[in-house]
Amino acid sequence: MKKPSWILCAALAAGVAAPVFAADFSCPAHPQAQWLKPSDFIKKVEDQGYSVREFDTKHDCYKIEGTDKAGQRVKVYFDTVSAKPLMSKPAH
């Protein structure tokens, strides 16, 4: 019995999308001893105009979900040492 073609398409799309997303940006790999403490990082990010709703560490980056200066919901990846934004995208 043949599987529906949409299952194959969905599986291929999922397999292709992940590497493309990962190639869009990269986080510098700093020794953890150099990383900003989470409380210091959040203060720096708030000073940049972000409001932090969720905080996490992902792929050698600090990641927040919250709002930007314009009040738009965003997901932003930051350098763990400088708190420089590396990639931002709308949050859903």
Protein backbone atom coordinates (compact mmCIF):
# COMPACT_ATOMS: atom_id res chain seq x y z
CA MET A 1 0.00 0.00 0.00
CA LYS A 2 1.36 3.41 -0.95
CA LYS A 3 1.80 6.10 1.70
CA PRO A 4 0.20 9.43 0.89
CA SER A 5 2.67 11.75 -0.85
CA TRP A 6 1.97 14.57 1.61
CA ILE A 7 3.62 12.49 4.38
CA LEU A 8 6.78 12.21 2.32
CA CYS A 9 6.70 15.93 1.50
CA ALA A 10 6.22 16.87 5.15
CA ALA A 11 9.07 14.62 6.25
CA LEU A 12 11.40 16.05 3.61
CA ALA A 13 10.44 19.62 4.46
CA ALA A 14 11.12 19.06 8.15
CA GLY A 15 14.49 17.51 7.39
CA VAL A 16 15.50 20.36 5.11
CA ALA A 17 14.15 23.23 7.22
CA ALA A 18 16.20 22.48 10.33
CA PRO A 19 19.63 22.75 8.63
CA VAL A 20 18.56 25.91 6.78
CA PHE A 21 17.52 27.57 10.06
CA ALA A 22 20.78 26.54 11.70
CA ALA A 23 22.79 27.99 8.80
CA ASP A 24 21.13 31.42 9.11
CA PHE A 25 23.25 32.39 12.09
CA SER A 26 25.77 31.01 14.49
CA CYS A 27 26.63 31.87 18.03
CA PRO A 28 30.25 32.30 18.99
CA ALA A 29 31.37 29.54 21.32
CA HIS A 30 32.76 31.31 24.39
CA PRO A 31 34.00 29.48 27.51
CA GLN A 32 31.12 29.44 30.00
CA ALA A 33 33.31 31.20 32.56
CA GLN A 34 33.14 34.29 30.30
CA TRP A 35 29.34 34.27 29.88
CA LEU A 36 27.32 37.03 31.48
CA LYS A 37 25.37 35.89 34.50
CA PRO A 38 21.70 35.53 33.51
CA SER A 39 20.67 38.43 35.77
CA ASP A 40 23.33 40.72 34.23
CA PHE A 41 22.38 39.59 30.73
CA ILE A 42 18.68 40.30 31.28
CA LYS A 43 19.53 43.78 32.63
CA LYS A 44 21.61 44.53 29.50
CA VAL A 45 18.84 43.27 27.22
CA GLU A 46 16.23 45.37 29.02
CA ASP A 47 18.55 48.38 28.68
CA GLN A 48 18.46 47.73 24.90
CA GLY A 49 14.67 48.10 24.98
CA TYR A 50 13.56 44.46 25.13
CA SER A 51 11.05 43.11 27.59
CA VAL A 52 11.94 39.54 28.59
CA ARG A 53 9.09 37.07 29.02
CA GLU A 54 11.11 33.83 28.64
CA PHE A 55 14.86 33.20 28.92
CA ASP A 56 16.82 30.14 27.79
CA THR A 57 20.23 29.00 26.58
CA LYS A 58 20.36 27.47 23.11
CA HIS A 59 23.23 26.65 20.72
CA ASP A 60 25.84 28.70 22.65
CA CYS A 61 23.41 31.65 22.67
CA TYR A 62 21.16 33.24 25.19
CA LYS A 63 17.61 33.24 23.81
CA ILE A 64 14.73 35.41 24.90
CA GLU A 65 11.11 35.60 23.95
CA GLY A 66 9.47 38.89 24.72
CA THR A 67 8.85 42.24 23.06
CA ASP A 68 11.13 44.69 21.29
CA LYS A 69 11.16 48.51 21.55
CA ALA A 70 8.18 48.71 19.20
CA GLY A 71 6.15 46.30 21.35
CA GLN A 72 6.34 43.48 18.78
CA ARG A 73 6.60 39.92 20.11
CA VAL A 74 10.01 38.53 19.17
CA LYS A 75 12.37 35.63 19.70
CA VAL A 76 15.97 36.88 19.82
CA TYR A 77 19.30 35.05 20.07
CA PHE A 78 22.17 36.94 21.75
CA ASP A 79 25.91 36.55 22.21
CA THR A 80 26.49 35.19 25.73
CA VAL A 81 29.41 37.56 26.47
CA SER A 82 28.41 40.88 24.86
CA ALA A 83 24.58 40.57 24.85
CA LYS A 84 24.72 41.62 21.19
CA PRO A 85 21.61 40.47 19.26
CA LEU A 86 22.60 37.89 16.63
CA MET A 87 19.22 36.94 15.17
CA SER A 88 15.67 38.10 15.71
CA LYS A 89 12.41 36.74 14.38
CA PRO A 90 8.73 37.22 15.19
CA ALA A 91 7.48 35.07 18.06
CA HIS A 92 4.22 33.19 17.67
